[in-house]
Amino acid sequence: MFVTALHIKIPLKDKIIRNRQSHRHTLYVKMDLNMQAHEVDRIADDLLRFGEIEEVAVRRYEMTQLFDGDVFFPIRQWPSSYYTLFMTTPLCDIDYVRLFLFFVGNGCSPHLITEWLLSSLFWSTDRNAFIKRANQIKHMIRNIDDRTSDWFYFDIEHHRLLFLNGNRK
C-alpha cells in the first residue's frame, strides 16, 4: 500500500516509521491530509458499491489485520478505551472525531481510517448517517491545518494527550 506525499510515492509503512521517529506528526499528517478531502467521497462511493454484507465484513477483517501492527501500532499497545471505540459500531459524533484523531495523530493513513469509519455504517439503514459521517471526516481533513493547536489525540509512544502540533495538552 502506498500513499502519495508531495508527488513522491512512499511506502505507507516507511512513512509511519519516519513519523514515529521524528515525533513531528503534523509534517506527515499535513502532506497526506491536503490530498484527502476530495477522496472521502470516492471511499464512500466505493463502499456503497459493495453488494454483499460479506464483502464489507471481509474487507473490515482485512483492515483489522492491517491496523494490528502492520500499518499501525499493534492492538495490544492501544489504550483499551480506543480499542473499544475501534470495535464499536455505530459511534456518536465525538467518538468518531476521537478515533479519527487518534489514528491520524499516531501516523495512520487517513485513507485507511476513513474507510474503517465509513464501513462501520454499511449495515445502517439510515444513509443520511453515512453521508453525515463522510461530511464530518471531510470537515476534519479540510480544517486540520488550522486546528493543530485545538485538536488533540492520545499519543501511543508518549502515553499522553498531545495537540496535533506536538505540544502537550
N, C-alpha and C. Protein backbone atom coordinates (compact mmCIF):
# COMPACT_ATOMS: atom_id res chain seq x y z
N MET A 1 0.85 -1.17 0.00
CA MET A 1 0.00 0.00 0.00
C MET A 1 0.90 1.24 0.00
N PHE A 2 0.55 2.22 -0.79
CA PHE A 2 1.32 3.45 -0.90
C PHE A 2 0.41 4.65 -0.68
N VAL A 3 0.98 5.70 -0.16
CA VAL A 3 0.29 6.98 -0.12
C VAL A 3 1.16 7.97 -0.86
N THR A 4 0.54 8.96 -1.45
CA THR A 4 1.30 9.96 -2.18
C THR A 4 1.51 11.15 -1.28
N ALA A 5 2.74 11.57 -1.14
CA ALA A 5 3.07 12.74 -0.34
C ALA A 5 4.02 13.60 -1.16
N LEU A 6 3.60 14.82 -1.47
CA LEU A 6 4.41 15.72 -2.29
C LEU A 6 4.83 15.07 -3.60
N HIS A 7 3.91 14.35 -4.23
CA HIS A 7 4.12 13.71 -5.52
C HIS A 7 5.21 12.64 -5.50
N ILE A 8 5.55 12.14 -4.34
CA ILE A 8 6.54 11.08 -4.22
C ILE A 8 5.84 9.89 -3.60
N LYS A 9 5.98 8.73 -4.21
CA LYS A 9 5.37 7.54 -3.64
C LYS A 9 6.25 7.02 -2.51
N ILE A 10 5.68 6.94 -1.32
CA ILE A 10 6.39 6.45 -0.14
C ILE A 10 5.61 5.26 0.38
N PRO A 11 6.24 4.12 0.59
CA PRO A 11 5.50 3.00 1.18
C PRO A 11 4.89 3.45 2.51
N LEU A 12 3.63 3.12 2.71
CA LEU A 12 2.91 3.57 3.89
C LEU A 12 3.63 3.20 5.17
N LYS A 13 4.15 1.99 5.26
CA LYS A 13 4.82 1.56 6.48
C LYS A 13 6.06 2.41 6.74
N ASP A 14 6.84 2.75 5.70
CA ASP A 14 8.01 3.61 5.87
C ASP A 14 7.59 4.99 6.35
N LYS A 15 6.50 5.51 5.81
CA LYS A 15 6.00 6.82 6.20
C LYS A 15 5.69 6.85 7.68
N ILE A 16 5.05 5.80 8.17
CA ILE A 16 4.69 5.75 9.58
C ILE A 16 5.94 5.65 10.44
N ILE A 17 6.90 4.86 10.05
CA ILE A 17 8.14 4.74 10.82
C ILE A 17 8.84 6.10 10.89
N ARG A 18 8.91 6.80 9.78
CA ARG A 18 9.53 8.13 9.80
C ARG A 18 8.76 9.06 10.72
N ASN A 19 7.44 8.96 10.69
CA ASN A 19 6.61 9.79 11.53
C ASN A 19 6.91 9.51 13.01
N ARG A 20 7.00 8.24 13.38
CA ARG A 20 7.27 7.88 14.77
C ARG A 20 8.65 8.35 15.20
N GLN A 21 9.63 8.21 14.35
CA GLN A 21 10.99 8.58 14.72
C GLN A 21 11.14 10.09 14.85
N SER A 22 10.46 10.83 14.03
CA SER A 22 10.65 12.27 14.03
C SER A 22 9.87 12.97 15.14
N HIS A 23 8.80 12.36 15.63
CA HIS A 23 7.92 12.96 16.63
C HIS A 23 7.35 14.30 16.13
N ARG A 24 7.33 14.49 14.85
CA ARG A 24 6.74 15.69 14.27
C ARG A 24 5.56 15.26 13.42
N HIS A 25 4.48 14.90 14.08
CA HIS A 25 3.32 14.32 13.42
C HIS A 25 2.73 15.23 12.36
N THR A 26 2.69 16.53 12.62
CA THR A 26 1.98 17.43 11.73
C THR A 26 2.61 17.49 10.34
N LEU A 27 3.91 17.32 10.24
CA LEU A 27 4.56 17.37 8.93
C LEU A 27 4.00 16.29 8.02
N TYR A 28 3.94 15.07 8.50
CA TYR A 28 3.47 13.97 7.68
C TYR A 28 1.96 13.99 7.52
N VAL A 29 1.24 14.32 8.59
CA VAL A 29 -0.21 14.39 8.51
C VAL A 29 -0.62 15.46 7.50
N LYS A 30 0.03 16.61 7.55
CA LYS A 30 -0.32 17.70 6.64
C LYS A 30 -0.12 17.31 5.19
N MET A 31 0.98 16.68 4.87
CA MET A 31 1.23 16.28 3.48
C MET A 31 0.16 15.33 2.98
N ASP A 32 -0.25 14.42 3.83
CA ASP A 32 -1.20 13.41 3.43
C ASP A 32 -2.62 13.98 3.39
N LEU A 33 -3.02 14.75 4.39
CA LEU A 33 -4.39 15.21 4.50
C LEU A 33 -4.76 16.25 3.47
N ASN A 34 -3.84 17.04 3.01
CA ASN A 34 -4.18 18.03 2.00
C ASN A 34 -4.75 17.39 0.75
N MET A 35 -4.45 16.15 0.53
CA MET A 35 -4.90 15.46 -0.66
C MET A 35 -6.17 14.65 -0.42
N GLN A 36 -6.63 14.56 0.80
CA GLN A 36 -7.65 13.59 1.15
C GLN A 36 -9.09 14.07 1.10
N ALA A 37 -9.36 15.31 1.29
CA ALA A 37 -10.74 15.76 1.44
C ALA A 37 -11.61 15.31 0.27
N HIS A 38 -11.11 15.42 -0.94
CA HIS A 38 -11.91 15.03 -2.10
C HIS A 38 -12.01 13.51 -2.23
N GLU A 39 -11.12 12.78 -1.60
CA GLU A 39 -11.15 11.32 -1.72
C GLU A 39 -12.12 10.66 -0.75
N VAL A 40 -12.63 11.38 0.22
CA VAL A 40 -13.63 10.80 1.13
C VAL A 40 -14.84 10.37 0.33
N ASP A 41 -15.25 11.19 -0.65
CA ASP A 41 -16.39 10.82 -1.49
C ASP A 41 -16.11 9.55 -2.28
N ARG A 42 -14.87 9.40 -2.78
CA ARG A 42 -14.53 8.20 -3.53
C ARG A 42 -14.59 6.96 -2.64
N ILE A 43 -14.06 7.08 -1.43
CA ILE A 43 -14.10 5.96 -0.49
C ILE A 43 -15.55 5.61 -0.17
N ALA A 44 -16.37 6.62 0.08
CA ALA A 44 -17.79 6.39 0.37
C ALA A 44 -18.49 5.72 -0.80
N ASP A 45 -18.24 6.21 -2.01
CA ASP A 45 -18.85 5.60 -3.20
C ASP A 45 -18.42 4.15 -3.37
N ASP A 46 -17.14 3.87 -3.15
CA ASP A 46 -16.66 2.50 -3.26
C ASP A 46 -17.35 1.59 -2.26
N LEU A 47 -17.52 2.07 -1.04
CA LEU A 47 -18.19 1.25 -0.02
C LEU A 47 -19.65 1.01 -0.36
N LEU A 48 -20.31 2.03 -0.91
CA LEU A 48 -21.72 1.87 -1.26
C LEU A 48 -21.92 0.92 -2.44
N ARG A 49 -20.88 0.70 -3.21
CA ARG A 49 -20.97 -0.22 -4.35
C ARG A 49 -20.87 -1.69 -3.94
N PHE A 50 -20.38 -1.93 -2.71
CA PHE A 50 -20.33 -3.32 -2.23
C PHE A 50 -21.75 -3.87 -2.25
N GLY A 51 -21.91 -5.00 -2.87
CA GLY A 51 -23.24 -5.58 -2.99
C GLY A 51 -23.63 -6.45 -1.82
N GLU A 52 -22.68 -7.11 -1.24
CA GLU A 52 -22.98 -8.07 -0.20
C GLU A 52 -22.36 -7.66 1.13
N ILE A 53 -23.07 -7.97 2.18
CA ILE A 53 -22.56 -7.70 3.53
C ILE A 53 -21.25 -8.45 3.75
N GLU A 54 -21.15 -9.65 3.16
CA GLU A 54 -19.94 -10.45 3.34
C GLU A 54 -18.71 -9.73 2.79
N GLU A 55 -18.87 -9.00 1.70
CA GLU A 55 -17.74 -8.26 1.12
C GLU A 55 -17.20 -7.22 2.10
N VAL A 56 -18.11 -6.50 2.75
CA VAL A 56 -17.70 -5.49 3.71
C VAL A 56 -17.09 -6.16 4.94
N ALA A 57 -17.69 -7.25 5.38
CA ALA A 57 -17.16 -7.96 6.55
C ALA A 57 -15.74 -8.46 6.28
N VAL A 58 -15.50 -9.00 5.08
CA VAL A 58 -14.16 -9.47 4.73
C VAL A 58 -13.19 -8.30 4.67
N ARG A 59 -13.61 -7.19 4.08
CA ARG A 59 -12.73 -6.01 3.99
C ARG A 59 -12.40 -5.47 5.39
N ARG A 60 -13.38 -5.43 6.27
CA ARG A 60 -13.13 -4.95 7.63
C ARG A 60 -12.18 -5.90 8.37
N TYR A 61 -12.32 -7.19 8.14
CA TYR A 61 -11.39 -8.15 8.75
C TYR A 61 -9.97 -7.88 8.24
N GLU A 62 -9.83 -7.66 6.93
CA GLU A 62 -8.51 -7.37 6.35
C GLU A 62 -7.93 -6.07 6.94
N MET A 63 -8.78 -5.06 7.09
CA MET A 63 -8.31 -3.80 7.67
C MET A 63 -7.89 -3.98 9.12
N THR A 64 -8.63 -4.81 9.86
CA THR A 64 -8.25 -5.08 11.25
C THR A 64 -6.86 -5.67 11.32
N GLN A 65 -6.55 -6.56 10.40
CA GLN A 65 -5.21 -7.15 10.36
C GLN A 65 -4.16 -6.09 10.04
N LEU A 66 -4.48 -5.17 9.15
CA LEU A 66 -3.56 -4.08 8.82
C LEU A 66 -3.32 -3.17 10.04
N PHE A 67 -4.41 -2.83 10.73
CA PHE A 67 -4.29 -1.96 11.89
C PHE A 67 -3.48 -2.60 13.01
N ASP A 68 -3.51 -3.90 13.10
CA ASP A 68 -2.85 -4.61 14.20
C ASP A 68 -1.38 -4.87 13.92
N GLY A 69 -0.59 -3.81 13.88
CA GLY A 69 0.85 -3.94 13.80
C GLY A 69 1.44 -3.86 12.41
N ASP A 70 0.61 -3.89 11.36
CA ASP A 70 1.16 -3.81 10.01
C ASP A 70 1.38 -2.36 9.60
N VAL A 71 0.32 -1.56 9.63
CA VAL A 71 0.44 -0.15 9.25
C VAL A 71 0.19 0.78 10.44
N PHE A 72 0.05 0.18 11.60
CA PHE A 72 -0.21 0.96 12.80
C PHE A 72 0.37 0.18 13.98
N PHE A 73 0.32 0.77 15.15
CA PHE A 73 0.80 0.09 16.34
C PHE A 73 -0.01 -1.18 16.60
N PRO A 74 0.61 -2.22 17.14
CA PRO A 74 -0.15 -3.43 17.48
C PRO A 74 -1.27 -3.11 18.47
N ILE A 75 -2.39 -3.78 18.32
CA ILE A 75 -3.56 -3.51 19.14
C ILE A 75 -3.23 -3.61 20.63
N ARG A 76 -2.35 -4.51 21.02
CA ARG A 76 -2.03 -4.67 22.44
C ARG A 76 -1.40 -3.41 23.04
N GLN A 77 -0.91 -2.48 22.20
CA GLN A 77 -0.33 -1.23 22.69
C GLN A 77 -1.36 -0.10 22.79
N TRP A 78 -2.54 -0.30 22.21
CA TRP A 78 -3.56 0.74 22.24
C TRP A 78 -4.17 0.83 23.63
N PRO A 79 -4.56 2.03 24.06
CA PRO A 79 -5.36 2.12 25.28
C PRO A 79 -6.68 1.37 25.08
N SER A 80 -7.15 0.71 26.11
CA SER A 80 -8.35 -0.13 25.97
C SER A 80 -9.57 0.68 25.52
N SER A 81 -9.66 1.94 25.92
CA SER A 81 -10.81 2.75 25.50
C SER A 81 -10.83 2.96 23.98
N TYR A 82 -9.66 3.07 23.36
CA TYR A 82 -9.62 3.25 21.92
C TYR A 82 -9.89 1.94 21.19
N TYR A 83 -9.45 0.84 21.77
CA TYR A 83 -9.78 -0.46 21.18
C TYR A 83 -11.30 -0.67 21.21
N THR A 84 -11.92 -0.31 22.33
CA THR A 84 -13.38 -0.44 22.43
C THR A 84 -14.06 0.42 21.38
N LEU A 85 -13.61 1.67 21.22
CA LEU A 85 -14.18 2.54 20.19
C LEU A 85 -13.99 1.93 18.80
N PHE A 86 -12.81 1.40 18.56
CA PHE A 86 -12.47 0.82 17.27
C PHE A 86 -13.42 -0.33 16.91
N MET A 87 -13.80 -1.12 17.89
CA MET A 87 -14.64 -2.29 17.64
C MET A 87 -16.13 -2.00 17.75
N THR A 88 -16.50 -0.82 18.20
CA THR A 88 -17.90 -0.46 18.40
C THR A 88 -18.47 0.18 17.15
N THR A 89 -19.70 -0.17 16.86
CA THR A 89 -20.41 0.47 15.76
C THR A 89 -21.89 0.50 16.11
N PRO A 90 -22.61 1.54 15.82
CA PRO A 90 -22.12 2.85 15.39
C PRO A 90 -21.59 3.65 16.58
N LEU A 91 -20.90 4.72 16.27
CA LEU A 91 -20.34 5.60 17.28
C LEU A 91 -21.08 6.94 17.25
N CYS A 92 -21.00 7.67 18.36
CA CYS A 92 -21.56 9.02 18.37
C CYS A 92 -20.54 9.97 17.72
N ASP A 93 -20.97 11.20 17.48
CA ASP A 93 -20.14 12.19 16.79
C ASP A 93 -18.76 12.35 17.42
N ILE A 94 -18.72 12.56 18.72
CA ILE A 94 -17.44 12.84 19.38
C ILE A 94 -16.52 11.62 19.32
N ASP A 95 -17.09 10.42 19.36
CA ASP A 95 -16.25 9.22 19.29
C ASP A 95 -15.64 9.04 17.90
N TYR A 96 -16.36 9.43 16.86
CA TYR A 96 -15.77 9.40 15.51
C TYR A 96 -14.57 10.35 15.44
N VAL A 97 -14.73 11.52 16.01
CA VAL A 97 -13.64 12.51 16.00
C VAL A 97 -12.46 11.97 16.80
N ARG A 98 -12.72 11.46 18.00
CA ARG A 98 -11.64 10.92 18.85
C ARG A 98 -10.88 9.81 18.14
N LEU A 99 -11.61 8.90 17.52
CA LEU A 99 -10.96 7.77 16.85
C LEU A 99 -10.16 8.23 15.63
N PHE A 100 -10.73 9.13 14.85
CA PHE A 100 -10.03 9.64 13.68
C PHE A 100 -8.73 10.34 14.09
N LEU A 101 -8.81 11.22 15.09
CA LEU A 101 -7.62 11.95 15.53
C LEU A 101 -6.59 11.03 16.18
N PHE A 102 -7.05 10.01 16.90
CA PHE A 102 -6.14 9.04 17.49
C PHE A 102 -5.30 8.35 16.42
N PHE A 103 -5.96 7.90 15.37
CA PHE A 103 -5.24 7.19 14.31
C PHE A 103 -4.36 8.12 13.49
N VAL A 104 -4.89 9.23 13.07
CA VAL A 104 -4.12 10.15 12.24
C VAL A 104 -2.96 10.75 13.05
N GLY A 105 -3.23 11.12 14.29
CA GLY A 105 -2.19 11.69 15.12
C GLY A 105 -1.04 10.73 15.38
N ASN A 106 -1.34 9.44 15.41
CA ASN A 106 -0.30 8.43 15.62
C ASN A 106 0.29 7.91 14.32
N GLY A 107 -0.02 8.56 13.21
CA GLY A 107 0.65 8.25 11.95
C GLY A 107 -0.08 7.32 11.01
N CYS A 108 -1.33 7.00 11.28
CA CYS A 108 -2.08 6.11 10.39
C CYS A 108 -2.53 6.86 9.14
N SER A 109 -2.64 6.15 8.06
CA SER A 109 -3.14 6.74 6.82
C SER A 109 -4.59 7.18 6.98
N PRO A 110 -4.91 8.42 6.62
CA PRO A 110 -6.30 8.86 6.66
C PRO A 110 -7.20 8.04 5.74
N HIS A 111 -6.63 7.51 4.63
CA HIS A 111 -7.41 6.64 3.75
C HIS A 111 -7.98 5.46 4.52
N LEU A 112 -7.11 4.81 5.25
CA LEU A 112 -7.49 3.58 5.93
C LEU A 112 -8.49 3.83 7.06
N ILE A 113 -8.25 4.83 7.89
CA ILE A 113 -9.18 5.07 9.00
C ILE A 113 -10.50 5.61 8.46
N THR A 114 -10.48 6.37 7.38
CA THR A 114 -11.74 6.83 6.77
C THR A 114 -12.55 5.64 6.27
N GLU A 115 -11.89 4.72 5.60
CA GLU A 115 -12.61 3.53 5.11
C GLU A 115 -13.16 2.74 6.28
N TRP A 116 -12.38 2.61 7.35
CA TRP A 116 -12.85 1.86 8.53
C TRP A 116 -14.10 2.53 9.12
N LEU A 117 -14.02 3.84 9.33
CA LEU A 117 -15.14 4.55 9.95
C LEU A 117 -16.39 4.50 9.09
N LEU A 118 -16.23 4.71 7.79
CA LEU A 118 -17.40 4.70 6.92
C LEU A 118 -17.96 3.29 6.74
N SER A 119 -17.09 2.29 6.70
CA SER A 119 -17.58 0.92 6.53
C SER A 119 -18.35 0.45 7.76
N SER A 120 -18.11 1.07 8.91
CA SER A 120 -18.86 0.68 10.10
C SER A 120 -20.34 1.04 9.97
N LEU A 121 -20.66 1.92 9.04
CA LEU A 121 -22.05 2.32 8.82
C LEU A 121 -22.71 1.55 7.68
N PHE A 122 -22.03 0.58 7.10
CA PHE A 122 -22.58 -0.15 5.96
C PHE A 122 -23.88 -0.85 6.30
N TRP A 123 -24.00 -1.34 7.53
CA TRP A 123 -25.19 -2.08 7.93
C TRP A 123 -26.33 -1.18 8.33
N SER A 124 -26.09 0.10 8.44
CA SER A 124 -27.13 1.04 8.85
C SER A 124 -28.15 1.21 7.73
N THR A 125 -29.40 1.30 8.10
CA THR A 125 -30.45 1.56 7.11
C THR A 125 -30.60 3.06 6.85
N ASP A 126 -29.94 3.86 7.66
CA ASP A 126 -30.01 5.32 7.54
C ASP A 126 -28.84 5.83 6.71
N ARG A 127 -29.06 6.05 5.42
CA ARG A 127 -28.00 6.55 4.54
C ARG A 127 -27.60 7.97 4.89
N ASN A 128 -28.49 8.71 5.56
CA ASN A 128 -28.12 10.06 5.99
C ASN A 128 -26.99 10.02 7.02
N ALA A 129 -26.96 8.99 7.86
CA ALA A 129 -25.87 8.86 8.83
C ALA A 129 -24.55 8.65 8.10
N PHE A 130 -24.58 7.87 7.04
CA PHE A 130 -23.39 7.61 6.23
C PHE A 130 -22.88 8.91 5.62
N ILE A 131 -23.78 9.67 5.04
CA ILE A 131 -23.42 10.95 4.42
C ILE A 131 -22.92 11.94 5.49
N LYS A 132 -23.57 11.95 6.65
CA LYS A 132 -23.16 12.83 7.74
C LYS A 132 -21.72 12.51 8.16
N ARG A 133 -21.39 11.23 8.30
CA ARG A 133 -20.04 10.85 8.70
C ARG A 133 -19.02 11.23 7.64
N ALA A 134 -19.35 11.01 6.40
CA ALA A 134 -18.43 11.39 5.32
C ALA A 134 -18.18 12.90 5.35
N ASN A 135 -19.22 13.68 5.57
CA ASN A 135 -19.06 15.13 5.66
C ASN A 135 -18.27 15.54 6.89
N GLN A 136 -18.45 14.83 8.00
CA GLN A 136 -17.70 15.12 9.22
C GLN A 136 -16.20 14.87 8.99
N ILE A 137 -15.87 13.78 8.33
CA ILE A 137 -14.46 13.47 8.05
C ILE A 137 -13.87 14.51 7.09
N LYS A 138 -14.62 14.89 6.07
CA LYS A 138 -14.14 15.92 5.15
C LYS A 138 -13.89 17.24 5.88
N HIS A 139 -14.78 17.57 6.81
CA HIS A 139 -14.60 18.80 7.59
C HIS A 139 -13.30 18.73 8.39
N MET A 140 -13.05 17.61 9.04
CA MET A 140 -11.83 17.48 9.83
C MET A 140 -10.60 17.60 8.94
N ILE A 141 -10.63 16.97 7.80
CA ILE A 141 -9.48 17.00 6.90
C ILE A 141 -9.24 18.41 6.37
N ARG A 142 -10.31 19.09 6.00
CA ARG A 142 -10.15 20.45 5.47
C ARG A 142 -9.63 21.44 6.51
N ASN A 143 -9.95 21.20 7.77
CA ASN A 143 -9.63 22.17 8.82
C ASN A 143 -8.47 21.77 9.71
N ILE A 144 -7.84 20.65 9.45
CA ILE A 144 -6.82 20.14 10.37
C ILE A 144 -5.62 21.07 10.48
N ASP A 145 -5.22 21.72 9.42
CA ASP A 145 -4.06 22.63 9.49
C ASP A 145 -4.35 23.82 10.39
N ASP A 146 -5.59 24.29 10.41
CA ASP A 146 -5.94 25.44 11.22
C ASP A 146 -6.23 25.07 12.67
N ARG A 147 -6.40 23.79 12.95
CA ARG A 147 -6.81 23.37 14.29
C ARG A 147 -5.75 22.56 15.02
N THR A 148 -4.50 22.63 14.57
CA THR A 148 -3.45 21.81 15.20
C THR A 148 -3.21 22.17 16.66
N SER A 149 -3.54 23.39 17.06
CA SER A 149 -3.36 23.76 18.46
C SER A 149 -4.66 23.59 19.25
N ASP A 150 -5.73 23.13 18.61
CA ASP A 150 -7.02 22.91 19.27
C ASP A 150 -7.36 21.43 19.39
N TRP A 151 -7.07 20.66 18.35
CA TRP A 151 -7.44 19.25 18.32
C TRP A 151 -6.30 18.42 18.90
N PHE A 152 -6.66 17.43 19.66
CA PHE A 152 -5.65 16.61 20.33
C PHE A 152 -6.00 15.13 20.21
N TYR A 153 -5.04 14.30 20.57
CA TYR A 153 -5.18 12.85 20.48
C TYR A 153 -4.30 12.22 21.55
N PHE A 154 -4.54 10.94 21.81
CA PHE A 154 -3.68 10.22 22.73
C PHE A 154 -2.51 9.65 21.94
N ASP A 155 -1.29 10.03 22.31
CA ASP A 155 -0.10 9.57 21.63
C ASP A 155 0.37 8.26 22.28
N ILE A 156 0.46 7.22 21.47
CA ILE A 156 0.82 5.90 21.98
C ILE A 156 2.25 5.88 22.50
N GLU A 157 3.17 6.50 21.80
CA GLU A 157 4.57 6.47 22.22
C GLU A 157 4.83 7.25 23.50
N HIS A 158 4.21 8.41 23.63
CA HIS A 158 4.44 9.27 24.79
C HIS A 158 3.47 8.99 25.94
N HIS A 159 2.45 8.20 25.68
CA HIS A 159 1.44 7.84 26.70
C HIS A 159 0.79 9.07 27.32
N ARG A 160 0.46 10.03 26.48
CA ARG A 160 -0.21 11.24 26.97
C ARG A 160 -0.94 11.91 25.81
N LEU A 161 -1.79 12.86 26.18
CA LEU A 161 -2.51 13.63 25.18
C LEU A 161 -1.58 14.69 24.58
N LEU A 162 -1.60 14.79 23.27
CA LEU A 162 -0.84 15.81 22.56
C LEU A 162 -1.76 16.52 21.58
N PHE A 163 -1.51 17.80 21.41
CA PHE A 163 -2.18 18.51 20.32
C PHE A 163 -1.56 18.05 19.02
N LEU A 164 -2.24 18.26 17.91
CA LEU A 164 -1.71 17.82 16.61
C LEU A 164 -0.43 18.55 16.24
N ASN A 165 -0.16 19.67 16.87
CA ASN A 165 1.10 20.36 16.59
C ASN A 165 2.25 19.79 17.41
N GLY A 166 1.99 18.77 18.23
CA GLY A 166 3.03 18.12 19.01
C GLY A 166 3.17 18.61 20.43
N ASN A 167 2.50 19.69 20.78
CA ASN A 167 2.57 20.21 22.15
C ASN A 167 1.72 19.37 23.09
N ARG A 168 2.13 19.35 24.37
CA ARG A 168 1.36 18.65 25.39
C ARG A 168 0.03 19.34 25.61
N LYS A 169 -0.97 18.55 25.90
CA LYS A 169 -2.29 19.12 26.25
C LYS A 169 -2.29 19.41 27.73
